[in-house]
Amino acid sequence: MDETASAYGLSDAELLAWPTVYRADLFRGQVALVTGAGSGLGKAIAVLLGRLGATIVACGRTPEKLDALRSLLRPQGIAVDVQPMTIRDPVAVESAIDGVLARHGRLDLLVNNGGGQFPQAALDFSVKGWNAVIDTNLNGTWYMMQTAARRWRARNEGGAIVNIVADIWRGMPHLAHTAAARAGVIYLSKTVAVEWAPLAIRVNCVAPGCCETTAFGLYPPAAVATYGQSNPLKHAGDAMDVAEAVVYLAAASGKFVTGEVLTVDGGQQLWGDPWALGRPRYFALDDPAARMADDE
């Protein structure tokens, strides 16, 4: 594993060499803007789109991560442009998208991966913590979507939007704030997929389940220990599972797909028991008596 690899997730070398079912020139001549591209799922998506011929515009809040991505991709012959920014600022969003159009002359694909959350019991959320997650995951995604759509309309051009959401179908204990925000993005996407169809704009979502990325390191070991029981396949996915789902929706393979949610979760929506803070004693699987005890 190379020095840029984490204890969780794919290394840089693996991202560059990971086998893909898609042809190498699939996105040649196209420009893809990926938010949250400096690490985790966003980085994997940006790398794969670049490997498939797209010019990458990588956005994120941490310039060092974006610079590292640029240094990774350019020696591979992948055109990459970086834009440090926060999607929570609508003025910065407009400036970023206008900059893409000014520098590259076009924008074909917007991947809204940028977001963030922290595991916590819902009763303990502060107003500030709740608002920070909603503002980033819902409002920030919306600012990106609306601004891109307005620019496409003004230029009489279509485009594709893929929003990275979450596997919210059975709720997300210990992550209620992001469950609310991601559910909002899903039904926002379904709504504007209809409104924007006359503009030749397709809007879809990818909903990952427990996928092993560097974000695993943000959760306690007790939480990570439950992820092998999160789905019927009994293992976490990887970042390329999500990246290839994005490609399917963004490319011509998805030309007749809009307003859809592609769930990539190993069946987690059907069966599984993931917990972002570890399984509470009340829900213990191996000690019936413990289920009657309150958490301390």
Foldseek 3Di string as FASTA:
>chain_A
DDPQADPWADRLVCLLVPDDPDDQQQQAPAEEEFEPCLWFLNVSLQNVVQSSHYAYEYEYQDVVSVVVSCVSRVVVVGHYHYDYDALLDLVSLLVVVVVCCVVRVDHAEYEYPDADAAFAAPVPDDPVRLCRRLSRLAVSVVSNVVSVLVVLVVVLHEHEYEYEAALQLPHAGRGNSSSVRRVNVLVVQLVVCVVCVVSNYAYEYEHEYAAIINCVVRFDPLQVVQLLQQAPVSHHHHSVLRSNVVVCCRGPVNSVDGSYYHYHYNHNSPGGDGHRHHDQQLPDDPDPVSVPDHHD
